[in-house]
Amino acid sequence: MGDEEGVSVAIAHAILDALRDQGVDVDATLASAGIAPADLEDMDGLISVAREEALWHEAIRRGGEDIGLHAARSLQRGRFRGLEFAVRSAPSLRDGFAVLVRFDTLLHGREIFSVEGDDDGGLRLVYQSPHEEDPHRRVMSQFAMLGTLELARSATGVPLVPRGVELRQPTARNAPELGRAFGVEVTLGAERDAIEFGPEQLALPMLDADRELASTLERYLEREVEGRQRDDRLEGRVRREIGRQLTAGGVSLEAVSEHLEISPRALQRRLADQDTSYQELLDETRREVAEQLLRQEGVSIAGAAYLLGYSEVSAFHRAFKRWTGLTPGRFRRVSSRSA
C-alpha cells in the first residue's frame, strides 16, 4: 500500500474529538484541511498521508502545540476498531503490544512500531514516524506515543507510569505538560521515539482478556492486512462487488461477472490463477458483512441471515461458526462487551 492512501480514518476522528473538547469548529477545520466529512464516514476507511498531515497542521493552528497530547487523552474506547479489540483481548500487556506491532500497518499503511527487549525482561516500544519531513512531526509523535500508553492504561486498568520515555525532538515548550501526561520526565533529543516498560508491567493481565476472541480477531486482522495488499488485484475487485451486491439485497456470480465485464467462466478461471474461487470470496465477504451486521444493535440474527441470503437461520449459524469459531450470539456478546 502506498503512502498516499494508507492512514486510518480513526486517527482523523481522534484529532477532531480533541478539537471538539476545546470548542473548536471542526467543520471549518476539515474544510481548511481539504477533507470532506463524507471522507470520514467509514470508520474502517483510509485517508491519504497528505490529508492527515493537513489536518494536523490545522489542528495545531487552532488547538495549539498540545493538541497531540489532548487527542491521545481523549481517545474513545474502540476508536481503532478490530486492532484495538485484539490488543484489549490479549492475555497480558506484553501480548497486547505484540499484537499492536504485528498489525500496525492497518493504522498507517506501513510498520510504525517495533520492539527492543531489555536484559531484565522489559522492553522498549519504538515509534518510527511516517512524518519525517513534516515540520510538526513532534506533535504527531507525541500523539502516537501517549495514545499507546493511554491504551495500555485503559486495557489493564492500571495508571501505568513507564520506566522511561524518549523523544527525538531536541526541545519542547510544553515539557511540563509532557511530564504530566506520561507521568515521568521525558528525555528530549534522543536517538528515537520510544517508551519503556518493566517486566512486572508487561505481565499485567488485560481487563478484557479473552483468548478465544483474541484468536478470532487476529485471524480477522490477518485477512484485513492481506486484503489491503491485494486490493488492486482482480480478487479485490470481486470482493468489493460481492460486498456491494450483498448489502443491496442479493449477489450472484453472473451479476458480479456482468459488473466486471468478464464472462462467468473467465472470471472463475482467472480467480483460480490467483489460488482462490468465487465461492471462497463469497464466503469470506459474507463473513465480513455478517460481523458488521452483528455489531449493529438494530439487526437481529435472523435479519442478518436473511440479508446474507440464507433461507434458514440454522444454516447461517453453521456457516458463522465455521468462519469464526463462534456462534452469532456469542460473537455479538463479546463484541458488545468490547465496544
C-alpha atoms as a PDB file:
ATOM      1  CA  MET A   1       0.000   0.000   0.000  1.00  0.00           C
ATOM      2  CA  GLY A   2       1.373   3.362  -0.940  1.00  0.00           C
ATOM      3  CA  ASP A   3       1.761   6.341   1.321  1.00  0.00           C
ATOM      4  CA  GLU A   4      -0.987   8.201  -0.483  1.00  0.00           C
ATOM      5  CA  GLU A   5      -3.795   6.005   0.801  1.00  0.00           C
ATOM      6  CA  GLY A   6      -2.723   4.348   3.997  1.00  0.00           C
ATOM      7  CA  VAL A   7      -3.917   6.279   7.067  1.00  0.00           C
ATOM      8  CA  SER A   8      -6.743   5.021   9.270  1.00  0.00           C
ATOM      9  CA  VAL A   9      -9.743   7.355   9.418  1.00  0.00           C
ATOM     10  CA  ALA A  10      -9.739   6.698  13.172  1.00  0.00           C
ATOM     11  CA  ILE A  11      -6.690   8.961  13.527  1.00  0.00           C
ATOM     12  CA  ALA A  12      -8.603  11.847  11.978  1.00  0.00           C
ATOM     13  CA  HIS A  13     -11.511  11.253  14.343  1.00  0.00           C
ATOM     14  CA  ALA A  14      -9.171  11.296  17.347  1.00  0.00           C
ATOM     15  CA  ILE A  15      -7.897  14.715  16.272  1.00  0.00           C
ATOM     16  CA  LEU A  16     -11.435  16.008  15.772  1.00  0.00           C
ATOM     17  CA  ASP A  17     -12.541  14.682  19.186  1.00  0.00           C
ATOM     18  CA  ALA A  18      -9.797  16.712  20.858  1.00  0.00           C
ATOM     19  CA  LEU A  19     -10.737  19.840  18.918  1.00  0.00           C
ATOM     20  CA  ARG A  20     -14.405  19.490  19.875  1.00  0.00           C
ATOM     21  CA  ASP A  21     -13.404  19.216  23.517  1.00  0.00           C
ATOM     22  CA  GLN A  22     -11.710  22.596  23.123  1.00  0.00           C
ATOM     23  CA  GLY A  23     -14.715  24.154  21.410  1.00  0.00           C
ATOM     24  CA  VAL A  24     -13.008  24.373  18.015  1.00  0.00           C
ATOM     25  CA  ASP A  25     -15.175  24.419  14.877  1.00  0.00           C
ATOM     26  CA  VAL A  26     -14.337  21.022  13.386  1.00  0.00           C
ATOM     27  CA  ASP A  27     -16.273  21.625  10.180  1.00  0.00           C
ATOM     28  CA  ALA A  28     -14.148  24.683   9.443  1.00  0.00           C
ATOM     29  CA  THR A  29     -11.035  22.711  10.354  1.00  0.00           C
ATOM     30  CA  LEU A  30     -11.911  19.949   7.907  1.00  0.00           C
ATOM     31  CA  ALA A  31     -12.688  22.454   5.158  1.00  0.00           C
ATOM     32  CA  SER A  32      -9.328  24.162   5.633  1.00  0.00           C
ATOM     33  CA  ALA A  33      -7.581  20.793   5.524  1.00  0.00           C
ATOM     34  CA  GLY A  34      -9.364  19.881   2.273  1.00  0.00           C
ATOM     35  CA  ILE A  35     -11.263  16.967   3.821  1.00  0.00           C
ATOM     36  CA  ALA A  36     -14.974  16.364   3.204  1.00  0.00           C
ATOM     37  CA  PRO A  37     -16.995  14.944   6.126  1.00  0.00           C
ATOM     38  CA  ALA A  38     -18.060  12.100   3.829  1.00  0.00           C
ATOM     39  CA  ASP A  39     -14.398  11.048   3.597  1.00  0.00           C
ATOM     40  CA  LEU A  40     -14.500  10.142   7.291  1.00  0.00           C
ATOM     41  CA  GLU A  41     -17.839   8.313   7.481  1.00  0.00           C
ATOM     42  CA  ASP A  42     -16.378   4.830   7.070  1.00  0.00           C
ATOM     43  CA  MET A  43     -14.625   4.106  10.381  1.00  0.00           C
ATOM     44  CA  ASP A  44     -12.696   1.302   8.691  1.00  0.00           C
ATOM     45  CA  GLY A  45     -11.712   3.592   5.825  1.00  0.00           C
ATOM     46  CA  LEU A  46      -8.465   5.310   4.873  1.00  0.00           C
ATOM     47  CA  ILE A  47      -7.281   8.805   4.040  1.00  0.00           C
ATOM     48  CA  SER A  48      -4.025   9.889   2.446  1.00  0.00           C
ATOM     49  CA  VAL A  49      -0.925  10.865   4.406  1.00  0.00           C
ATOM     50  CA  ALA A  50      -1.129  14.304   2.807  1.00  0.00           C
ATOM     51  CA  ARG A  51      -4.645  14.819   4.140  1.00  0.00           C
ATOM     52  CA  GLU A  52      -3.716  13.552   7.574  1.00  0.00           C
ATOM     53  CA  GLU A  53      -0.821  15.991   7.755  1.00  0.00           C
ATOM     54  CA  ALA A  54      -3.014  18.842   6.526  1.00  0.00           C
ATOM     55  CA  LEU A  55      -5.485  18.039   9.303  1.00  0.00           C
ATOM     56  CA  TRP A  56      -2.724  18.024  11.902  1.00  0.00           C
ATOM     57  CA  HIS A  57      -1.486  21.394  10.680  1.00  0.00           C
ATOM     58  CA  GLU A  58      -4.954  22.914  11.021  1.00  0.00           C
ATOM     59  CA  ALA A  59      -5.453  21.257  14.401  1.00  0.00           C
ATOM     60  CA  ILE A  60      -2.183  22.695  15.705  1.00  0.00           C
ATOM     61  CA  ARG A  61      -3.057  26.138  14.382  1.00  0.00           C
ATOM     62  CA  ARG A  62      -6.473  26.061  16.030  1.00  0.00           C
ATOM     63  CA  GLY A  63      -5.804  23.912  19.091  1.00  0.00           C
ATOM     64  CA  GLY A  64      -2.186  24.648  19.990  1.00  0.00           C
ATOM     65  CA  GLU A  65       1.023  22.690  20.493  1.00  0.00           C
ATOM     66  CA  ASP A  66      -0.564  20.285  22.982  1.00  0.00           C
ATOM     67  CA  ILE A  67      -3.234  19.057  20.559  1.00  0.00           C
ATOM     68  CA  GLY A  68      -1.388  15.750  20.067  1.00  0.00           C
ATOM     69  CA  LEU A  69      -1.492  15.098  23.821  1.00  0.00           C
ATOM     70  CA  HIS A  70      -5.140  16.164  24.017  1.00  0.00           C
ATOM     71  CA  ALA A  71      -6.031  13.866  21.108  1.00  0.00           C
ATOM     72  CA  ALA A  72      -4.315  10.923  22.808  1.00  0.00           C
ATOM     73  CA  ARG A  73      -6.071  11.539  26.127  1.00  0.00           C
ATOM     74  CA  SER A  74      -9.479  11.992  24.509  1.00  0.00           C
ATOM     75  CA  LEU A  75      -9.352   8.726  22.539  1.00  0.00           C
ATOM     76  CA  GLN A  76     -12.709   6.991  22.740  1.00  0.00           C
ATOM     77  CA  ARG A  77     -12.776   3.319  23.634  1.00  0.00           C
ATOM     78  CA  GLY A  78     -12.987   1.205  20.497  1.00  0.00           C
ATOM     79  CA  ARG A  79     -11.883   4.054  18.221  1.00  0.00           C
ATOM     80  CA  PHE A  80      -9.338   1.802  16.495  1.00  0.00           C
ATOM     81  CA  ARG A  81     -11.844  -0.999  15.947  1.00  0.00           C
ATOM     82  CA  GLY A  82     -10.597  -4.528  15.338  1.00  0.00           C
ATOM     83  CA  LEU A  83      -6.944  -3.771  16.091  1.00  0.00           C
ATOM     84  CA  GLU A  84      -7.807  -2.190  19.428  1.00  0.00           C
ATOM     85  CA  PHE A  85     -10.184  -5.022  20.375  1.00  0.00           C
ATOM     86  CA  ALA A  86      -7.462  -7.560  19.558  1.00  0.00           C
ATOM     87  CA  VAL A  87      -4.995  -5.702  21.796  1.00  0.00           C
ATOM     88  CA  ARG A  88      -7.533  -5.493  24.628  1.00  0.00           C
ATOM     89  CA  SER A  89      -8.406  -9.196  24.297  1.00  0.00           C
ATOM     90  CA  ALA A  90      -4.781 -10.332  24.599  1.00  0.00           C
ATOM     91  CA  PRO A  91      -3.864 -12.187  27.814  1.00  0.00           C
ATOM     92  CA  SER A  92      -1.285  -9.645  29.022  1.00  0.00           C
ATOM     93  CA  LEU A  93       0.115  -6.239  28.204  1.00  0.00           C
ATOM     94  CA  ARG A  94       3.175  -7.871  26.633  1.00  0.00           C
ATOM     95  CA  ASP A  95       0.899  -9.921  24.363  1.00  0.00           C
ATOM     96  CA  GLY A  96      -1.122  -6.802  23.548  1.00  0.00           C
ATOM     97  CA  PHE A  97       1.978  -4.950  22.413  1.00  0.00           C
ATOM     98  CA  ALA A  98       2.900  -7.945  20.243  1.00  0.00           C
ATOM     99  CA  VAL A  99      -0.485  -7.667  18.508  1.00  0.00           C
ATOM    100  CA  LEU A 100      -0.009  -3.925  18.007  1.00  0.00           C
ATOM    101  CA  VAL A 101       3.411  -4.374  16.423  1.00  0.00           C
ATOM    102  CA  ARG A 102       2.200  -7.226  14.239  1.00  0.00           C
ATOM    103  CA  PHE A 103      -0.748  -5.340  12.750  1.00  0.00           C
ATOM    104  CA  ASP A 104       0.256  -1.667  12.977  1.00  0.00           C
ATOM    105  CA  THR A 105       0.268  -1.379   9.184  1.00  0.00           C
ATOM    106  CA  LEU A 106      -3.519  -1.087   9.474  1.00  0.00           C
ATOM    107  CA  LEU A 107      -3.005   2.286  11.170  1.00  0.00           C
ATOM    108  CA  HIS A 108      -0.661   3.918   8.708  1.00  0.00           C
ATOM    109  CA  GLY A 109      -0.036   1.620   5.772  1.00  0.00           C
ATOM    110  CA  ARG A 110       3.484   0.865   7.000  1.00  0.00           C
ATOM    111  CA  GLU A 111       5.223  -0.515  10.067  1.00  0.00           C
ATOM    112  CA  ILE A 112       5.329   2.204  12.714  1.00  0.00           C
ATOM    113  CA  PHE A 113       6.187   0.257  15.876  1.00  0.00           C
ATOM    114  CA  SER A 114       8.983  -2.136  16.738  1.00  0.00           C
ATOM    115  CA  VAL A 115      10.123  -3.761  19.975  1.00  0.00           C
ATOM    116  CA  GLU A 116      13.512  -3.874  21.652  1.00  0.00           C
ATOM    117  CA  GLY A 117      13.989  -6.199  24.603  1.00  0.00           C
ATOM    118  CA  ASP A 118      15.870  -5.423  27.831  1.00  0.00           C
ATOM    119  CA  ASP A 119      18.076  -7.875  29.724  1.00  0.00           C
ATOM    120  CA  ASP A 120      15.684  -7.922  32.684  1.00  0.00           C
ATOM    121  CA  GLY A 121      12.634  -8.851  30.593  1.00  0.00           C
ATOM    122  CA  GLY A 122      11.424  -5.312  29.985  1.00  0.00           C
ATOM    123  CA  LEU A 123      11.006  -3.801  26.546  1.00  0.00           C
ATOM    124  CA  ARG A 124      11.052  -0.563  24.615  1.00  0.00           C
ATOM    125  CA  LEU A 125       8.262   0.135  22.169  1.00  0.00           C
ATOM    126  CA  VAL A 126       9.910   2.220  19.436  1.00  0.00           C
ATOM    127  CA  TYR A 127       7.826   4.516  17.236  1.00  0.00           C
ATOM    128  CA  GLN A 128       9.023   5.019  13.663  1.00  0.00           C
ATOM    129  CA  SER A 129       7.350   8.200  12.497  1.00  0.00           C
ATOM    130  CA  PRO A 130       5.923   8.216   8.959  1.00  0.00           C
ATOM    131  CA  HIS A 131       6.147  12.037   9.021  1.00  0.00           C
ATOM    132  CA  GLU A 132       9.912  12.522   8.898  1.00  0.00           C
ATOM    133  CA  GLU A 133       9.798  15.560   6.628  1.00  0.00           C
ATOM    134  CA  ASP A 134       6.885  17.294   8.323  1.00  0.00           C
ATOM    135  CA  PRO A 135       7.698  20.363  10.454  1.00  0.00           C
ATOM    136  CA  HIS A 136       5.089  19.278  13.015  1.00  0.00           C
ATOM    137  CA  ARG A 137       6.357  15.722  13.351  1.00  0.00           C
ATOM    138  CA  ARG A 138       6.891  16.196  17.100  1.00  0.00           C
ATOM    139  CA  VAL A 139       3.153  16.741  17.714  1.00  0.00           C
ATOM    140  CA  MET A 140       2.222  13.625  15.764  1.00  0.00           C
ATOM    141  CA  SER A 141       4.851  11.575  17.602  1.00  0.00           C
ATOM    142  CA  GLN A 142       3.543  12.779  20.970  1.00  0.00           C
ATOM    143  CA  PHE A 143       0.064  11.624  19.922  1.00  0.00           C
ATOM    144  CA  ALA A 144       1.272   8.176  18.851  1.00  0.00           C
ATOM    145  CA  MET A 145       3.377   7.631  21.966  1.00  0.00           C
ATOM    146  CA  LEU A 146       0.849   8.878  24.516  1.00  0.00           C
ATOM    147  CA  GLY A 147      -2.033   7.205  22.676  1.00  0.00           C
ATOM    148  CA  THR A 148      -0.256   3.865  23.051  1.00  0.00           C
ATOM    149  CA  LEU A 149       0.303   4.479  26.758  1.00  0.00           C
ATOM    150  CA  GLU A 150      -3.314   5.529  27.281  1.00  0.00           C
ATOM    151  CA  LEU A 151      -4.481   2.332  25.577  1.00  0.00           C
ATOM    152  CA  ALA A 152      -2.210   0.303  27.875  1.00  0.00           C
ATOM    153  CA  ARG A 153      -3.596   2.125  30.925  1.00  0.00           C
ATOM    154  CA  SER A 154      -7.189   1.580  29.853  1.00  0.00           C
ATOM    155  CA  ALA A 155      -6.696  -2.043  28.820  1.00  0.00           C
ATOM    156  CA  THR A 156      -5.043  -3.030  32.117  1.00  0.00           C
ATOM    157  CA  GLY A 157      -7.000  -0.705  34.403  1.00  0.00           C
ATOM    158  CA  VAL A 158      -3.697   0.432  35.904  1.00  0.00           C
ATOM    159  CA  PRO A 159      -2.433   4.067  35.820  1.00  0.00           C
ATOM    160  CA  LEU A 160       0.854   2.941  34.291  1.00  0.00           C
ATOM    161  CA  VAL A 161       3.953   5.108  34.624  1.00  0.00           C
ATOM    162  CA  PRO A 162       6.545   3.879  32.106  1.00  0.00           C
ATOM    163  CA  ARG A 163      10.163   3.340  33.117  1.00  0.00           C
ATOM    164  CA  GLY A 164      11.165   5.942  30.589  1.00  0.00           C
ATOM    165  CA  VAL A 165      10.071   7.984  27.595  1.00  0.00           C
ATOM    166  CA  GLU A 166      12.410   9.232  24.865  1.00  0.00           C
ATOM    167  CA  LEU A 167      11.524  11.745  22.163  1.00  0.00           C
ATOM    168  CA  ARG A 168      13.703  12.777  19.258  1.00  0.00           C
ATOM    169  CA  GLN A 169      12.617  16.418  19.375  1.00  0.00           C
ATOM    170  CA  PRO A 170      15.509  18.462  20.829  1.00  0.00           C
ATOM    171  CA  THR A 171      13.376  20.897  22.838  1.00  0.00           C
ATOM    172  CA  ALA A 172       9.774  21.220  23.968  1.00  0.00           C
ATOM    173  CA  ARG A 173       7.928  24.327  25.025  1.00  0.00           C
ATOM    174  CA  ASN A 174       5.372  22.005  26.586  1.00  0.00           C
ATOM    175  CA  ALA A 175       7.900  19.927  28.577  1.00  0.00           C
ATOM    176  CA  PRO A 176       5.924  20.226  31.865  1.00  0.00           C
ATOM    177  CA  GLU A 177       2.767  19.041  30.115  1.00  0.00           C
ATOM    178  CA  LEU A 178       4.678  16.138  28.571  1.00  0.00           C
ATOM    179  CA  GLY A 179       5.853  15.087  32.022  1.00  0.00           C
ATOM    180  CA  ARG A 180       2.337  15.240  33.451  1.00  0.00           C
ATOM    181  CA  ALA A 181       0.884  13.270  30.544  1.00  0.00           C
ATOM    182  CA  PHE A 182       3.434  10.445  30.632  1.00  0.00           C
ATOM    183  CA  GLY A 183       3.911  10.517  34.397  1.00  0.00           C
ATOM    184  CA  VAL A 184       7.685  10.612  34.076  1.00  0.00           C
ATOM    185  CA  GLU A 185      10.289  13.149  32.969  1.00  0.00           C
ATOM    186  CA  VAL A 186      10.697  12.846  29.216  1.00  0.00           C
ATOM    187  CA  THR A 187      14.179  12.588  27.698  1.00  0.00           C
ATOM    188  CA  LEU A 188      14.418  15.021  24.775  1.00  0.00           C
ATOM    189  CA  GLY A 189      16.898  14.956  21.909  1.00  0.00           C
ATOM    190  CA  ALA A 190      17.006  11.145  21.954  1.00  0.00           C
ATOM    191  CA  GLU A 191      18.010   8.987  19.001  1.00  0.00           C
ATOM    192  CA  ARG A 192      14.480   7.603  18.706  1.00  0.00           C
ATOM    193  CA  ASP A 193      10.934   7.962  19.971  1.00  0.00           C
ATOM    194  CA  ALA A 194      10.473   5.167  22.492  1.00  0.00           C
ATOM    195  CA  ILE A 195       8.586   4.223  25.629  1.00  0.00           C
ATOM    196  CA  GLU A 196       9.952   1.652  28.070  1.00  0.00           C
ATOM    197  CA  PHE A 197       8.080  -0.777  30.318  1.00  0.00           C
ATOM    198  CA  GLY A 198       9.327  -3.107  33.035  1.00  0.00           C
ATOM    199  CA  PRO A 199       8.670  -6.873  33.153  1.00  0.00           C
ATOM    200  CA  GLU A 200       6.161  -6.548  36.002  1.00  0.00           C
ATOM    201  CA  GLN A 201       4.153  -4.054  33.938  1.00  0.00           C
ATOM    202  CA  LEU A 202       4.257  -6.241  30.845  1.00  0.00           C
ATOM    203  CA  ALA A 203       2.892  -9.162  32.867  1.00  0.00           C
ATOM    204  CA  LEU A 204      -0.251  -7.230  33.827  1.00  0.00           C
ATOM    205  CA  PRO A 205      -3.412  -9.013  32.636  1.00  0.00           C
ATOM    206  CA  MET A 206      -5.804  -7.234  30.309  1.00  0.00           C
ATOM    207  CA  LEU A 207      -9.217  -6.457  31.789  1.00  0.00           C
ATOM    208  CA  ASP A 208     -10.953  -7.889  28.689  1.00  0.00           C
ATOM    209  CA  ALA A 209      -8.592 -10.824  28.191  1.00  0.00           C
ATOM    210  CA  ASP A 210     -10.319 -13.489  26.106  1.00  0.00           C
ATOM    211  CA  ARG A 211      -8.078 -15.947  24.301  1.00  0.00           C
ATOM    212  CA  GLU A 212     -10.871 -17.239  22.086  1.00  0.00           C
ATOM    213  CA  LEU A 213     -11.873 -13.762  20.975  1.00  0.00           C
ATOM    214  CA  ALA A 214      -8.235 -12.694  20.604  1.00  0.00           C
ATOM    215  CA  SER A 215      -7.563 -15.613  18.277  1.00  0.00           C
ATOM    216  CA  THR A 216     -10.654 -14.794  16.213  1.00  0.00           C
ATOM    217  CA  LEU A 217      -9.731 -11.135  15.945  1.00  0.00           C
ATOM    218  CA  GLU A 218      -6.152 -11.883  14.941  1.00  0.00           C
ATOM    219  CA  ARG A 219      -7.391 -14.077  12.095  1.00  0.00           C
ATOM    220  CA  TYR A 220      -9.666 -11.224  11.047  1.00  0.00           C
ATOM    221  CA  LEU A 221      -6.747  -8.746  11.126  1.00  0.00           C
ATOM    222  CA  GLU A 222      -4.582 -11.103   9.087  1.00  0.00           C
ATOM    223  CA  ARG A 223      -7.258 -11.210   6.404  1.00  0.00           C
ATOM    224  CA  GLU A 224      -7.633  -7.437   6.513  1.00  0.00           C
ATOM    225  CA  VAL A 225      -3.902  -6.929   6.003  1.00  0.00           C
ATOM    226  CA  GLU A 226      -3.909  -9.424   3.153  1.00  0.00           C
ATOM    227  CA  GLY A 227      -6.991  -7.757   1.686  1.00  0.00           C
ATOM    228  CA  ARG A 228      -5.334  -4.365   1.566  1.00  0.00           C
ATOM    229  CA  GLN A 229      -2.256  -5.840  -0.053  1.00  0.00           C
ATOM    230  CA  ARG A 230      -4.265  -7.432  -2.867  1.00  0.00           C
ATOM    231  CA  ASP A 231      -6.843  -4.653  -3.182  1.00  0.00           C
ATOM    232  CA  ASP A 232      -5.808  -3.750  -6.731  1.00  0.00           C
ATOM    233  CA  ARG A 233      -5.932  -7.332  -7.964  1.00  0.00           C
ATOM    234  CA  LEU A 234      -8.989  -8.937  -9.553  1.00  0.00           C
ATOM    235  CA  GLU A 235      -9.631 -10.660  -6.242  1.00  0.00           C
ATOM    236  CA  GLY A 236     -10.059  -7.290  -4.528  1.00  0.00           C
ATOM    237  CA  ARG A 237     -12.422  -6.035  -7.222  1.00  0.00           C
ATOM    238  CA  VAL A 238     -14.554  -9.169  -6.898  1.00  0.00           C
ATOM    239  CA  ARG A 239     -14.686  -8.799  -3.125  1.00  0.00           C
ATOM    240  CA  ARG A 240     -15.831  -5.191  -3.371  1.00  0.00           C
ATOM    241  CA  GLU A 241     -18.558  -6.057  -5.866  1.00  0.00           C
ATOM    242  CA  ILE A 242     -19.767  -9.013  -3.803  1.00  0.00           C
ATOM    243  CA  GLY A 243     -19.936  -6.733  -0.775  1.00  0.00           C
ATOM    244  CA  ARG A 244     -21.853  -4.090  -2.701  1.00  0.00           C
ATOM    245  CA  GLN A 245     -24.369  -6.605  -4.026  1.00  0.00           C
ATOM    246  CA  LEU A 246     -24.801  -8.285  -0.633  1.00  0.00           C
ATOM    247  CA  THR A 247     -25.724  -5.017   1.046  1.00  0.00           C
ATOM    248  CA  ALA A 248     -28.030  -4.210  -1.872  1.00  0.00           C
ATOM    249  CA  GLY A 249     -30.065  -7.354  -1.279  1.00  0.00           C
ATOM    250  CA  GLY A 250     -28.587 -10.182  -3.342  1.00  0.00           C
ATOM    251  CA  VAL A 251     -25.494 -11.455  -5.119  1.00  0.00           C
ATOM    252  CA  SER A 252     -24.683 -13.920  -7.871  1.00  0.00           C
ATOM    253  CA  LEU A 253     -21.708 -14.969  -9.950  1.00  0.00           C
ATOM    254  CA  GLU A 254     -23.488 -13.790 -13.094  1.00  0.00           C
ATOM    255  CA  ALA A 255     -24.199 -10.332 -11.673  1.00  0.00           C
ATOM    256  CA  VAL A 256     -20.628  -9.916 -10.422  1.00  0.00           C
ATOM    257  CA  SER A 257     -19.245 -11.033 -13.789  1.00  0.00           C
ATOM    258  CA  GLU A 258     -21.506  -8.634 -15.638  1.00  0.00           C
ATOM    259  CA  HIS A 259     -20.385  -5.705 -13.490  1.00  0.00           C
ATOM    260  CA  LEU A 260     -16.723  -6.567 -14.061  1.00  0.00           C
ATOM    261  CA  GLU A 261     -17.368  -7.125 -17.786  1.00  0.00           C
ATOM    262  CA  ILE A 262     -15.917 -10.647 -17.636  1.00  0.00           C
ATOM    263  CA  SER A 263     -17.747 -13.852 -18.504  1.00  0.00           C
ATOM    264  CA  PRO A 264     -18.516 -16.116 -15.512  1.00  0.00           C
ATOM    265  CA  ARG A 265     -16.251 -18.836 -16.892  1.00  0.00           C
ATOM    266  CA  ALA A 266     -13.350 -16.437 -17.484  1.00  0.00           C
ATOM    267  CA  LEU A 267     -13.797 -14.942 -14.027  1.00  0.00           C
ATOM    268  CA  GLN A 268     -13.640 -18.365 -12.424  1.00  0.00           C
ATOM    269  CA  ARG A 269     -10.529 -19.259 -14.420  1.00  0.00           C
ATOM    270  CA  ARG A 270      -8.726 -16.015 -13.509  1.00  0.00           C
ATOM    271  CA  LEU A 271      -9.586 -16.380  -9.842  1.00  0.00           C
ATOM    272  CA  ALA A 272      -8.210 -19.922  -9.927  1.00  0.00           C
ATOM    273  CA  ASP A 273      -4.953 -18.451 -11.246  1.00  0.00           C
ATOM    274  CA  GLN A 274      -4.882 -16.368  -8.050  1.00  0.00           C
ATOM    275  CA  ASP A 275      -5.406 -19.502  -5.921  1.00  0.00           C
ATOM    276  CA  THR A 276      -8.950 -18.666  -4.949  1.00  0.00           C
ATOM    277  CA  SER A 277     -12.508 -19.060  -6.235  1.00  0.00           C
ATOM    278  CA  TYR A 278     -15.755 -17.130  -6.418  1.00  0.00           C
ATOM    279  CA  GLN A 279     -17.259 -19.326  -3.678  1.00  0.00           C
ATOM    280  CA  GLU A 280     -14.324 -18.682  -1.336  1.00  0.00           C
ATOM    281  CA  LEU A 281     -14.593 -14.929  -1.868  1.00  0.00           C
ATOM    282  CA  LEU A 282     -18.348 -15.058  -1.381  1.00  0.00           C
ATOM    283  CA  ASP A 283     -17.955 -16.934   1.926  1.00  0.00           C
ATOM    284  CA  GLU A 284     -15.234 -14.581   3.166  1.00  0.00           C
ATOM    285  CA  THR A 285     -17.188 -11.485   2.208  1.00  0.00           C
ATOM    286  CA  ARG A 286     -20.341 -12.883   3.771  1.00  0.00           C
ATOM    287  CA  ARG A 287     -18.354 -13.401   6.966  1.00  0.00           C
ATOM    288  CA  GLU A 288     -17.083  -9.819   6.941  1.00  0.00           C
ATOM    289  CA  VAL A 289     -20.541  -8.396   6.268  1.00  0.00           C
ATOM    290  CA  ALA A 290     -22.036 -10.738   8.866  1.00  0.00           C
ATOM    291  CA  GLU A 291     -19.642  -9.411  11.521  1.00  0.00           C
ATOM    292  CA  GLN A 292     -20.557  -5.843  10.604  1.00  0.00           C
ATOM    293  CA  LEU A 293     -24.278  -6.624  10.819  1.00  0.00           C
ATOM    294  CA  LEU A 294     -23.989  -8.409  14.152  1.00  0.00           C
ATOM    295  CA  ARG A 295     -22.254  -5.380  15.657  1.00  0.00           C
ATOM    296  CA  GLN A 296     -25.378  -3.321  14.887  1.00  0.00           C
ATOM    297  CA  GLU A 297     -27.907  -3.467  17.719  1.00  0.00           C
ATOM    298  CA  GLY A 298     -30.883  -2.958  15.408  1.00  0.00           C
ATOM    299  CA  VAL A 299     -30.156  -6.047  13.277  1.00  0.00           C
ATOM    300  CA  SER A 300     -31.379  -9.403  14.602  1.00  0.00           C
ATOM    301  CA  ILE A 301     -29.524 -12.639  13.927  1.00  0.00           C
ATOM    302  CA  ALA A 302     -32.416 -13.781  11.753  1.00  0.00           C
ATOM    303  CA  GLY A 303     -32.301 -10.468   9.907  1.00  0.00           C
ATOM    304  CA  ALA A 304     -28.569 -10.823   9.290  1.00  0.00           C
ATOM    305  CA  ALA A 305     -29.124 -14.347   7.934  1.00  0.00           C
ATOM    306  CA  TYR A 306     -31.812 -13.064   5.562  1.00  0.00           C
ATOM    307  CA  LEU A 307     -29.690 -10.155   4.332  1.00  0.00           C
ATOM    308  CA  LEU A 308     -26.833 -12.535   3.609  1.00  0.00           C
ATOM    309  CA  GLY A 309     -29.027 -14.788   1.500  1.00  0.00           C
ATOM    310  CA  TYR A 310     -29.601 -17.697   3.895  1.00  0.00           C
ATOM    311  CA  SER A 311     -33.088 -19.213   3.731  1.00  0.00           C
ATOM    312  CA  GLU A 312     -32.689 -20.763   7.199  1.00  0.00           C
ATOM    313  CA  VAL A 313     -31.149 -19.219  10.316  1.00  0.00           C
ATOM    314  CA  SER A 314     -29.643 -22.595  11.242  1.00  0.00           C
ATOM    315  CA  ALA A 315     -27.587 -22.583   8.032  1.00  0.00           C
ATOM    316  CA  PHE A 316     -26.281 -19.116   8.913  1.00  0.00           C
ATOM    317  CA  HIS A 317     -25.376 -20.334  12.426  1.00  0.00           C
ATOM    318  CA  ARG A 318     -23.367 -23.226  10.994  1.00  0.00           C
ATOM    319  CA  ALA A 319     -21.581 -21.029   8.464  1.00  0.00           C
ATOM    320  CA  PHE A 320     -20.726 -18.338  11.023  1.00  0.00           C
ATOM    321  CA  LYS A 321     -19.388 -20.916  13.493  1.00  0.00           C
ATOM    322  CA  ARG A 322     -17.252 -22.374  10.705  1.00  0.00           C
ATOM    323  CA  TRP A 323     -15.878 -18.914   9.783  1.00  0.00           C
ATOM    324  CA  THR A 324     -15.110 -17.563  13.236  1.00  0.00           C
ATOM    325  CA  GLY A 325     -15.278 -20.400  15.749  1.00  0.00           C
ATOM    326  CA  LEU A 326     -18.101 -18.521  17.499  1.00  0.00           C
ATOM    327  CA  THR A 327     -21.870 -18.664  17.230  1.00  0.00           C
ATOM    328  CA  PRO A 328     -23.541 -15.412  16.066  1.00  0.00           C
ATOM    329  CA  GLY A 329     -24.909 -14.863  19.575  1.00  0.00           C
ATOM    330  CA  ARG A 330     -21.510 -15.374  21.227  1.00  0.00           C
ATOM    331  CA  PHE A 331     -19.839 -13.060  18.720  1.00  0.00           C
ATOM    332  CA  ARG A 332     -22.458 -10.367  19.365  1.00  0.00           C
ATOM    333  CA  ARG A 333     -21.980 -10.627  23.142  1.00  0.00           C
ATOM    334  CA  VAL A 334     -18.189 -10.362  23.087  1.00  0.00           C
ATOM    335  CA  SER A 335     -18.304  -7.541  20.519  1.00  0.00           C
ATOM    336  CA  SER A 336     -20.779  -5.641  22.670  1.00  0.00           C
ATOM    337  CA  ARG A 337     -18.597  -6.146  25.733  1.00  0.00           C
ATOM    338  CA  SER A 338     -15.543  -4.780  23.894  1.00  0.00           C
ATOM    339  CA  ALA A 339     -17.385  -1.751  22.494  1.00  0.00           C
END
